[in-house]
Amino acid sequence: MADWFASGRIVDLVLLLVAVEIAALPWLLQRLGSRLSVYQLLPNIIAGIALMLALRASLVDAAWPWISTALLVALAAHLGDLALRLRERSPGQ
């Protein structure tokens, strides 16, 4: 099990599960009758993926620019998600 973490394969497994989740989201949202769309969830999903890629890069001792780039992508996606949520809740609309 330690090898799974040291090699970063554990993150690969989690990313595979996220891919399955993304593929199943349209069906699940429709089945639940949710008004959410996959597009509304994408910034949050991208932020999570970027954080997992930063973790993987760290686990395999990648160079710091790879880790910082993944963290910056996560930050940008997170800020995009916040902007979308604030725009949806703004009182003038």
PDB file of N, CA and C in Angstrom:
ATOM      1  N   MET A   1       0.825  -1.193   0.000  1.00  0.00           N
ATOM      2  CA  MET A   1       0.000   0.000   0.000  1.00  0.00           C
ATOM      3  C   MET A   1       0.869   1.258   0.000  1.00  0.00           C
ATOM      4  N   ALA A   2       1.972   1.211   0.700  1.00  0.00           N
ATOM      5  CA  ALA A   2       2.868   2.366   0.737  1.00  0.00           C
ATOM      6  C   ALA A   2       3.365   2.707  -0.663  1.00  0.00           C
ATOM      7  N   ASP A   3       3.550   1.682  -1.497  1.00  0.00           N
ATOM      8  CA  ASP A   3       4.002   1.911  -2.866  1.00  0.00           C
ATOM      9  C   ASP A   3       2.962   2.688  -3.664  1.00  0.00           C
ATOM     10  N   TRP A   4       1.698   2.457  -3.397  1.00  0.00           N
ATOM     11  CA  TRP A   4       0.624   3.183  -4.090  1.00  0.00           C
ATOM     12  C   TRP A   4       0.731   4.680  -3.819  1.00  0.00           C
ATOM     13  N   PHE A   5       1.080   5.028  -2.594  1.00  0.00           N
ATOM     14  CA  PHE A   5       1.224   6.440  -2.249  1.00  0.00           C
ATOM     15  C   PHE A   5       2.534   6.997  -2.781  1.00  0.00           C
ATOM     16  N   ALA A   6       3.616   6.268  -2.613  1.00  0.00           N
ATOM     17  CA  ALA A   6       4.934   6.743  -3.044  1.00  0.00           C
ATOM     18  C   ALA A   6       4.993   6.950  -4.553  1.00  0.00           C
ATOM     19  N   SER A   7       4.277   6.131  -5.295  1.00  0.00           N
ATOM     20  CA  SER A   7       4.314   6.233  -6.752  1.00  0.00           C
ATOM     21  C   SER A   7       3.249   7.183  -7.300  1.00  0.00           C
ATOM     22  N   GLY A   8       2.335   7.615  -6.454  1.00  0.00           N
ATOM     23  CA  GLY A   8       1.257   8.484  -6.912  1.00  0.00           C
ATOM     24  C   GLY A   8       0.093   7.741  -7.523  1.00  0.00           C
ATOM     25  N   ARG A   9       0.160   6.427  -7.564  1.00  0.00           N
ATOM     26  CA  ARG A   9      -0.928   5.647  -8.185  1.00  0.00           C
ATOM     27  C   ARG A   9      -2.247   5.785  -7.442  1.00  0.00           C
ATOM     28  N   ILE A  10      -2.181   6.091  -6.157  1.00  0.00           N
ATOM     29  CA  ILE A  10      -3.420   6.273  -5.397  1.00  0.00           C
ATOM     30  C   ILE A  10      -4.207   7.465  -5.958  1.00  0.00           C
ATOM     31  N   VAL A  11      -3.488   8.504  -6.354  1.00  0.00           N
ATOM     32  CA  VAL A  11      -4.139   9.672  -6.943  1.00  0.00           C
ATOM     33  C   VAL A  11      -4.705   9.309  -8.308  1.00  0.00           C
ATOM     34  N   ASP A  12      -3.992   8.491  -9.060  1.00  0.00           N
ATOM     35  CA  ASP A  12      -4.513   8.040 -10.354  1.00  0.00           C
ATOM     36  C   ASP A  12      -5.841   7.317 -10.178  1.00  0.00           C
ATOM     37  N   LEU A  13      -5.935   6.487  -9.151  1.00  0.00           N
ATOM     38  CA  LEU A  13      -7.174   5.768  -8.864  1.00  0.00           C
ATOM     39  C   LEU A  13      -8.301   6.739  -8.536  1.00  0.00           C
ATOM     40  N   VAL A  14      -8.005   7.726  -7.707  1.00  0.00           N
ATOM     41  CA  VAL A  14      -9.023   8.712  -7.349  1.00  0.00           C
ATOM     42  C   VAL A  14      -9.451   9.512  -8.583  1.00  0.00           C
ATOM     43  N   LEU A  15      -8.496   9.874  -9.432  1.00  0.00           N
ATOM     44  CA  LEU A  15      -8.837  10.598 -10.659  1.00  0.00           C
ATOM     45  C   LEU A  15      -9.713   9.752 -11.585  1.00  0.00           C
ATOM     46  N   LEU A  16      -9.469   8.462 -11.617  1.00  0.00           N
ATOM     47  CA  LEU A  16     -10.324   7.564 -12.395  1.00  0.00           C
ATOM     48  C   LEU A  16     -11.749   7.573 -11.839  1.00  0.00           C
ATOM     49  N   LEU A  17     -11.874   7.547 -10.528  1.00  0.00           N
ATOM     50  CA  LEU A  17     -13.206   7.609  -9.910  1.00  0.00           C
ATOM     51  C   LEU A  17     -13.889   8.944 -10.199  1.00  0.00           C
ATOM     52  N   VAL A  18     -13.126  10.022 -10.229  1.00  0.00           N
ATOM     53  CA  VAL A  18     -13.694  11.329 -10.571  1.00  0.00           C
ATOM     54  C   VAL A  18     -14.187  11.321 -12.019  1.00  0.00           C
ATOM     55  N   ALA A  19     -13.450  10.691 -12.905  1.00  0.00           N
ATOM     56  CA  ALA A  19     -13.883  10.595 -14.307  1.00  0.00           C
ATOM     57  C   ALA A  19     -15.208   9.833 -14.408  1.00  0.00           C
ATOM     58  N   VAL A  20     -15.346   8.769 -13.638  1.00  0.00           N
ATOM     59  CA  VAL A  20     -16.605   8.014 -13.614  1.00  0.00           C
ATOM     60  C   VAL A  20     -17.726   8.896 -13.069  1.00  0.00           C
ATOM     61  N   GLU A  21     -17.421   9.664 -12.037  1.00  0.00           N
ATOM     62  CA  GLU A  21     -18.409  10.568 -11.461  1.00  0.00           C
ATOM     63  C   GLU A  21     -18.864  11.605 -12.487  1.00  0.00           C
ATOM     64  N   ILE A  22     -17.925  12.181 -13.227  1.00  0.00           N
ATOM     65  CA  ILE A  22     -18.268  13.174 -14.240  1.00  0.00           C
ATOM     66  C   ILE A  22     -19.153  12.556 -15.314  1.00  0.00           C
ATOM     67  N   ALA A  23     -18.833  11.343 -15.714  1.00  0.00           N
ATOM     68  CA  ALA A  23     -19.630  10.661 -16.731  1.00  0.00           C
ATOM     69  C   ALA A  23     -21.041  10.362 -16.227  1.00  0.00           C
ATOM     70  N   ALA A  24     -21.175  10.075 -14.946  1.00  0.00           N
ATOM     71  CA  ALA A  24     -22.472   9.715 -14.379  1.00  0.00           C
ATOM     72  C   ALA A  24     -23.293  10.927 -13.940  1.00  0.00           C
ATOM     73  N   LEU A  25     -22.673  12.081 -13.836  1.00  0.00           N
ATOM     74  CA  LEU A  25     -23.373  13.255 -13.316  1.00  0.00           C
ATOM     75  C   LEU A  25     -24.627  13.641 -14.095  1.00  0.00           C
ATOM     76  N   PRO A  26     -24.598  13.698 -15.416  1.00  0.00           N
ATOM     77  CA  PRO A  26     -25.835  14.078 -16.114  1.00  0.00           C
ATOM     78  C   PRO A  26     -26.999  13.148 -15.779  1.00  0.00           C
ATOM     79  N   TRP A  27     -26.743  11.872 -15.775  1.00  0.00           N
ATOM     80  CA  TRP A  27     -27.795  10.893 -15.445  1.00  0.00           C
ATOM     81  C   TRP A  27     -28.275  11.088 -14.004  1.00  0.00           C
ATOM     82  N   LEU A  28     -27.324  11.246 -13.088  1.00  0.00           N
ATOM     83  CA  LEU A  28     -27.676  11.393 -11.674  1.00  0.00           C
ATOM     84  C   LEU A  28     -28.472  12.673 -11.424  1.00  0.00           C
ATOM     85  N   LEU A  29     -28.035  13.773 -12.022  1.00  0.00           N
ATOM     86  CA  LEU A  29     -28.755  15.038 -11.832  1.00  0.00           C
ATOM     87  C   LEU A  29     -30.170  14.949 -12.387  1.00  0.00           C
ATOM     88  N   GLN A  30     -30.324  14.297 -13.530  1.00  0.00           N
ATOM     89  CA  GLN A  30     -31.657  14.140 -14.115  1.00  0.00           C
ATOM     90  C   GLN A  30     -32.522  13.244 -13.229  1.00  0.00           C
ATOM     91  N   ARG A  31     -31.947  12.165 -12.753  1.00  0.00           N
ATOM     92  CA  ARG A  31     -32.700  11.227 -11.919  1.00  0.00           C
ATOM     93  C   ARG A  31     -33.171  11.874 -10.619  1.00  0.00           C
ATOM     94  N   LEU A  32     -32.336  12.758 -10.069  1.00  0.00           N
ATOM     95  CA  LEU A  32     -32.688  13.434  -8.820  1.00  0.00           C
ATOM     96  C   LEU A  32     -33.586  14.647  -9.045  1.00  0.00           C
ATOM     97  N   GLY A  33     -33.775  15.003 -10.303  1.00  0.00           N
ATOM     98  CA  GLY A  33     -34.605  16.161 -10.608  1.00  0.00           C
ATOM     99  C   GLY A  33     -33.938  17.474 -10.230  1.00  0.00           C
ATOM    100  N   SER A  34     -32.644  17.488 -10.223  1.00  0.00           N
ATOM    101  CA  SER A  34     -31.895  18.676  -9.831  1.00  0.00           C
ATOM    102  C   SER A  34     -31.917  19.718 -10.935  1.00  0.00           C
ATOM    103  N   ARG A  35     -31.934  20.977 -10.532  1.00  0.00           N
ATOM    104  CA  ARG A  35     -31.859  22.067 -11.499  1.00  0.00           C
ATOM    105  C   ARG A  35     -30.414  22.392 -11.854  1.00  0.00           C
ATOM    106  N   LEU A  36     -29.479  21.773 -11.179  1.00  0.00           N
ATOM    107  CA  LEU A  36     -28.063  21.980 -11.482  1.00  0.00           C
ATOM    108  C   LEU A  36     -27.703  21.346 -12.811  1.00  0.00           C
ATOM    109  N   SER A  37     -26.749  21.934 -13.473  1.00  0.00           N
ATOM    110  CA  SER A  37     -26.211  21.317 -14.672  1.00  0.00           C
ATOM    111  C   SER A  37     -24.762  20.935 -14.403  1.00  0.00           C
ATOM    112  N   VAL A  38     -24.232  20.072 -15.225  1.00  0.00           N
ATOM    113  CA  VAL A  38     -22.834  19.662 -15.087  1.00  0.00           C
ATOM    114  C   VAL A  38     -21.932  20.882 -15.232  1.00  0.00           C
ATOM    115  N   TYR A  39     -22.314  21.804 -16.103  1.00  0.00           N
ATOM    116  CA  TYR A  39     -21.498  22.995 -16.338  1.00  0.00           C
ATOM    117  C   TYR A  39     -21.373  23.855 -15.085  1.00  0.00           C
ATOM    118  N   GLN A  40     -22.409  23.877 -14.253  1.00  0.00           N
ATOM    119  CA  GLN A  40     -22.339  24.629 -13.008  1.00  0.00           C
ATOM    120  C   GLN A  40     -21.382  23.978 -12.015  1.00  0.00           C
ATOM    121  N   LEU A  41     -21.177  22.686 -12.138  1.00  0.00           N
ATOM    122  CA  LEU A  41     -20.306  21.962 -11.216  1.00  0.00           C
ATOM    123  C   LEU A  41     -18.866  21.876 -11.711  1.00  0.00           C
ATOM    124  N   LEU A  42     -18.631  22.170 -12.976  1.00  0.00           N
ATOM    125  CA  LEU A  42     -17.294  22.010 -13.553  1.00  0.00           C
ATOM    126  C   LEU A  42     -16.192  22.789 -12.842  1.00  0.00           C
ATOM    127  N   PRO A  43     -16.386  24.056 -12.487  1.00  0.00           N
ATOM    128  CA  PRO A  43     -15.289  24.749 -11.806  1.00  0.00           C
ATOM    129  C   PRO A  43     -14.879  24.054 -10.504  1.00  0.00           C
ATOM    130  N   ASN A  44     -15.846  23.557  -9.769  1.00  0.00           N
ATOM    131  CA  ASN A  44     -15.556  22.851  -8.527  1.00  0.00           C
ATOM    132  C   ASN A  44     -14.811  21.552  -8.812  1.00  0.00           C
ATOM    133  N   ILE A  45     -15.231  20.840  -9.825  1.00  0.00           N
ATOM    134  CA  ILE A  45     -14.585  19.579 -10.206  1.00  0.00           C
ATOM    135  C   ILE A  45     -13.155  19.840 -10.675  1.00  0.00           C
ATOM    136  N   ILE A  46     -12.977  20.893 -11.483  1.00  0.00           N
ATOM    137  CA  ILE A  46     -11.641  21.226 -11.977  1.00  0.00           C
ATOM    138  C   ILE A  46     -10.717  21.592 -10.823  1.00  0.00           C
ATOM    139  N   ALA A  47     -11.229  22.344  -9.853  1.00  0.00           N
ATOM    140  CA  ALA A  47     -10.415  22.697  -8.689  1.00  0.00           C
ATOM    141  C   ALA A  47      -9.970  21.439  -7.949  1.00  0.00           C
ATOM    142  N   GLY A  48     -10.878  20.494  -7.776  1.00  0.00           N
ATOM    143  CA  GLY A  48     -10.531  19.247  -7.095  1.00  0.00           C
ATOM    144  C   GLY A  48      -9.508  18.435  -7.866  1.00  0.00           C
ATOM    145  N   ILE A  49      -9.670  18.370  -9.168  1.00  0.00           N
ATOM    146  CA  ILE A  49      -8.714  17.634 -10.010  1.00  0.00           C
ATOM    147  C   ILE A  49      -7.334  18.281  -9.920  1.00  0.00           C
ATOM    148  N   ALA A  50      -7.302  19.607  -9.987  1.00  0.00           N
ATOM    149  CA  ALA A  50      -6.015  20.307  -9.919  1.00  0.00           C
ATOM    150  C   ALA A  50      -5.337  20.072  -8.567  1.00  0.00           C
ATOM    151  N   LEU A  51      -6.103  20.058  -7.499  1.00  0.00           N
ATOM    152  CA  LEU A  51      -5.521  19.776  -6.182  1.00  0.00           C
ATOM    153  C   LEU A  51      -4.969  18.351  -6.120  1.00  0.00           C
ATOM    154  N   MET A  52      -5.688  17.419  -6.717  1.00  0.00           N
ATOM    155  CA  MET A  52      -5.184  16.040  -6.740  1.00  0.00           C
ATOM    156  C   MET A  52      -3.920  15.923  -7.578  1.00  0.00           C
ATOM    157  N   LEU A  53      -3.847  16.675  -8.673  1.00  0.00           N
ATOM    158  CA  LEU A  53      -2.631  16.657  -9.486  1.00  0.00           C
ATOM    159  C   LEU A  53      -1.459  17.279  -8.730  1.00  0.00           C
ATOM    160  N   ALA A  54      -1.721  18.314  -7.942  1.00  0.00           N
ATOM    161  CA  ALA A  54      -0.663  18.900  -7.112  1.00  0.00           C
ATOM    162  C   ALA A  54      -0.189  17.880  -6.073  1.00  0.00           C
ATOM    163  N   LEU A  55      -1.124  17.154  -5.484  1.00  0.00           N
ATOM    164  CA  LEU A  55      -0.765  16.110  -4.523  1.00  0.00           C
ATOM    165  C   LEU A  55       0.079  15.041  -5.194  1.00  0.00           C
ATOM    166  N   ARG A  56      -0.338  14.618  -6.374  1.00  0.00           N
ATOM    167  CA  ARG A  56       0.412  13.578  -7.086  1.00  0.00           C
ATOM    168  C   ARG A  56       1.822  14.052  -7.411  1.00  0.00           C
ATOM    169  N   ALA A  57       1.926  15.285  -7.876  1.00  0.00           N
ATOM    170  CA  ALA A  57       3.244  15.838  -8.190  1.00  0.00           C
ATOM    171  C   ALA A  57       4.120  15.872  -6.946  1.00  0.00           C
ATOM    172  N   SER A  58       3.528  16.213  -5.836  1.00  0.00           N
ATOM    173  CA  SER A  58       4.284  16.250  -4.585  1.00  0.00           C
ATOM    174  C   SER A  58       4.721  14.852  -4.148  1.00  0.00           C
ATOM    175  N   LEU A  59       3.827  13.885  -4.298  1.00  0.00           N
ATOM    176  CA  LEU A  59       4.148  12.515  -3.892  1.00  0.00           C
ATOM    177  C   LEU A  59       5.299  11.918  -4.694  1.00  0.00           C
ATOM    178  N   VAL A  60       5.407  12.305  -5.959  1.00  0.00           N
ATOM    179  CA  VAL A  60       6.460  11.743  -6.815  1.00  0.00           C
ATOM    180  C   VAL A  60       7.672  12.672  -6.914  1.00  0.00           C
ATOM    181  N   ASP A  61       7.716  13.658  -6.031  1.00  0.00           N
ATOM    182  CA  ASP A  61       8.841  14.605  -5.982  1.00  0.00           C
ATOM    183  C   ASP A  61       9.063  15.336  -7.301  1.00  0.00           C
ATOM    184  N   ALA A  62       7.976  15.784  -7.907  1.00  0.00           N
ATOM    185  CA  ALA A  62       8.085  16.569  -9.131  1.00  0.00           C
ATOM    186  C   ALA A  62       8.668  17.939  -8.802  1.00  0.00           C
ATOM    187  N   ALA A  63       9.151  18.603  -9.816  1.00  0.00           N
ATOM    188  CA  ALA A  63       9.710  19.937  -9.625  1.00  0.00           C
ATOM    189  C   ALA A  63       8.629  20.904  -9.139  1.00  0.00           C
ATOM    190  N   TRP A  64       9.041  21.890  -8.360  1.00  0.00           N
ATOM    191  CA  TRP A  64       8.072  22.798  -7.755  1.00  0.00           C
ATOM    192  C   TRP A  64       7.210  23.542  -8.767  1.00  0.00           C
ATOM    193  N   PRO A  65       7.684  23.860  -9.992  1.00  0.00           N
ATOM    194  CA  PRO A  65       6.776  24.553 -10.926  1.00  0.00           C
ATOM    195  C   PRO A  65       5.532  23.737 -11.271  1.00  0.00           C
ATOM    196  N   TRP A  66       5.648  22.421 -11.312  1.00  0.00           N
ATOM    197  CA  TRP A  66       4.476  21.580 -11.592  1.00  0.00           C
ATOM    198  C   TRP A  66       3.461  21.680 -10.462  1.00  0.00           C
ATOM    199  N   ILE A  67       3.967  21.645  -9.235  1.00  0.00           N
ATOM    200  CA  ILE A  67       3.075  21.719  -8.070  1.00  0.00           C
ATOM    201  C   ILE A  67       2.411  23.091  -8.004  1.00  0.00           C
ATOM    202  N   SER A  68       3.202  24.149  -8.186  1.00  0.00           N
ATOM    203  CA  SER A  68       2.631  25.496  -8.093  1.00  0.00           C
ATOM    204  C   SER A  68       1.647  25.765  -9.233  1.00  0.00           C
ATOM    205  N   THR A  69       1.909  25.234 -10.414  1.00  0.00           N
ATOM    206  CA  THR A  69       0.978  25.415 -11.533  1.00  0.00           C
ATOM    207  C   THR A  69      -0.358  24.738 -11.231  1.00  0.00           C
ATOM    208  N   ALA A  70      -0.298  23.530 -10.712  1.00  0.00           N
ATOM    209  CA  ALA A  70      -1.544  22.826 -10.368  1.00  0.00           C
ATOM    210  C   ALA A  70      -2.308  23.585  -9.286  1.00  0.00           C
ATOM    211  N   LEU A  71      -1.588  24.136  -8.312  1.00  0.00           N
ATOM    212  CA  LEU A  71      -2.249  24.906  -7.252  1.00  0.00           C
ATOM    213  C   LEU A  71      -2.854  26.199  -7.794  1.00  0.00           C
ATOM    214  N   LEU A  72      -2.181  26.837  -8.739  1.00  0.00           N
ATOM    215  CA  LEU A  72      -2.738  28.047  -9.356  1.00  0.00           C
ATOM    216  C   LEU A  72      -3.988  27.736 -10.171  1.00  0.00           C
ATOM    217  N   VAL A  73      -3.987  26.608 -10.864  1.00  0.00           N
ATOM    218  CA  VAL A  73      -5.188  26.191 -11.607  1.00  0.00           C
ATOM    219  C   VAL A  73      -6.339  25.940 -10.635  1.00  0.00           C
ATOM    220  N   ALA A  74      -6.036  25.290  -9.514  1.00  0.00           N
ATOM    221  CA  ALA A  74      -7.065  25.044  -8.506  1.00  0.00           C
ATOM    222  C   ALA A  74      -7.615  26.356  -7.963  1.00  0.00           C
ATOM    223  N   LEU A  75      -6.735  27.320  -7.717  1.00  0.00           N
ATOM    224  CA  LEU A  75      -7.178  28.624  -7.221  1.00  0.00           C
ATOM    225  C   LEU A  75      -8.064  29.319  -8.249  1.00  0.00           C
ATOM    226  N   ALA A  76      -7.646  29.322  -9.506  1.00  0.00           N
ATOM    227  CA  ALA A  76      -8.435  29.975 -10.556  1.00  0.00           C
ATOM    228  C   ALA A  76      -9.815  29.326 -10.687  1.00  0.00           C
ATOM    229  N   ALA A  77      -9.865  28.011 -10.657  1.00  0.00           N
ATOM    230  CA  ALA A  77     -11.152  27.309 -10.755  1.00  0.00           C
ATOM    231  C   ALA A  77     -12.021  27.604  -9.540  1.00  0.00           C
ATOM    232  N   HIS A  78     -11.410  27.650  -8.377  1.00  0.00           N
ATOM    233  CA  HIS A  78     -12.153  27.951  -7.146  1.00  0.00           C
ATOM    234  C   HIS A  78     -12.735  29.368  -7.207  1.00  0.00           C
ATOM    235  N   LEU A  79     -11.928  30.321  -7.638  1.00  0.00           N
ATOM    236  CA  LEU A  79     -12.424  31.695  -7.751  1.00  0.00           C
ATOM    237  C   LEU A  79     -13.523  31.798  -8.803  1.00  0.00           C
ATOM    238  N   GLY A  80     -13.387  31.051  -9.891  1.00  0.00           N
ATOM    239  CA  GLY A  80     -14.449  31.008 -10.895  1.00  0.00           C
ATOM    240  C   GLY A  80     -15.741  30.438 -10.331  1.00  0.00           C
ATOM    241  N   ASP A  81     -15.607  29.395  -9.537  1.00  0.00           N
ATOM    242  CA  ASP A  81     -16.772  28.787  -8.895  1.00  0.00           C
ATOM    243  C   ASP A  81     -17.448  29.787  -7.962  1.00  0.00           C
ATOM    244  N   LEU A  82     -16.644  30.487  -7.171  1.00  0.00           N
ATOM    245  CA  LEU A  82     -17.210  31.491  -6.271  1.00  0.00           C
ATOM    246  C   LEU A  82     -17.914  32.599  -7.038  1.00  0.00           C
ATOM    247  N   ALA A  83     -17.303  33.050  -8.125  1.00  0.00           N
ATOM    248  CA  ALA A  83     -17.921  34.109  -8.927  1.00  0.00           C
ATOM    249  C   ALA A  83     -19.268  33.656  -9.486  1.00  0.00           C
ATOM    250  N   LEU A  84     -19.327  32.421  -9.986  1.00  0.00           N
ATOM    251  CA  LEU A  84     -20.597  31.906 -10.516  1.00  0.00           C
ATOM    252  C   LEU A  84     -21.652  31.821  -9.423  1.00  0.00           C
ATOM    253  N   ARG A  85     -21.260  31.354  -8.257  1.00  0.00           N
ATOM    254  CA  ARG A  85     -22.226  31.233  -7.156  1.00  0.00           C
ATOM    255  C   ARG A  85     -22.721  32.593  -6.690  1.00  0.00           C
ATOM    256  N   LEU A  86     -21.813  33.568  -6.597  1.00  0.00           N
ATOM    257  CA  LEU A  86     -22.222  34.907  -6.166  1.00  0.00           C
ATOM    258  C   LEU A  86     -23.119  35.563  -7.195  1.00  0.00           C
ATOM    259  N   ARG A  87     -22.834  35.351  -8.481  1.00  0.00           N
ATOM    260  CA  ARG A  87     -23.663  35.920  -9.534  1.00  0.00           C
ATOM    261  C   ARG A  87     -25.063  35.306  -9.508  1.00  0.00           C
ATOM    262  N   GLU A  88     -25.145  33.998  -9.223  1.00  0.00           N
ATOM    263  CA  GLU A  88     -26.456  33.340  -9.166  1.00  0.00           C
ATOM    264  C   GLU A  88     -27.293  33.843  -8.003  1.00  0.00           C
ATOM    265  N   ARG A  89     -26.634  34.257  -6.933  1.00  0.00           N
ATOM    266  CA  ARG A  89     -27.358  34.681  -5.736  1.00  0.00           C
ATOM    267  C   ARG A  89     -27.514  36.193  -5.622  1.00  0.00           C
ATOM    268  N   SER A  90     -27.016  36.943  -6.594  1.00  0.00           N
ATOM    269  CA  SER A  90     -27.097  38.399  -6.483  1.00  0.00           C
ATOM    270  C   SER A  90     -28.550  38.840  -6.568  1.00  0.00           C
ATOM    271  N   PRO A  91     -28.950  39.816  -5.745  1.00  0.00           N
ATOM    272  CA  PRO A  91     -30.372  40.176  -5.641  1.00  0.00           C
ATOM    273  C   PRO A  91     -30.959  40.833  -6.880  1.00  0.00           C
ATOM    274  N   GLY A  92     -30.253  41.445  -7.746  1.00  0.00           N
ATOM    275  CA  GLY A  92     -30.848  42.141  -8.876  1.00  0.00           C
ATOM    276  C   GLY A  92     -31.272  41.263 -10.031  1.00  0.00           C
ATOM    277  N   GLN A  93     -31.118  39.965  -9.924  1.00  0.00           N
ATOM    278  CA  GLN A  93     -31.389  39.103 -11.079  1.00  0.00           C
ATOM    279  C   GLN A  93     -32.570  38.212 -10.876  1.00  0.00           C
TER     280      GLN A  93
END
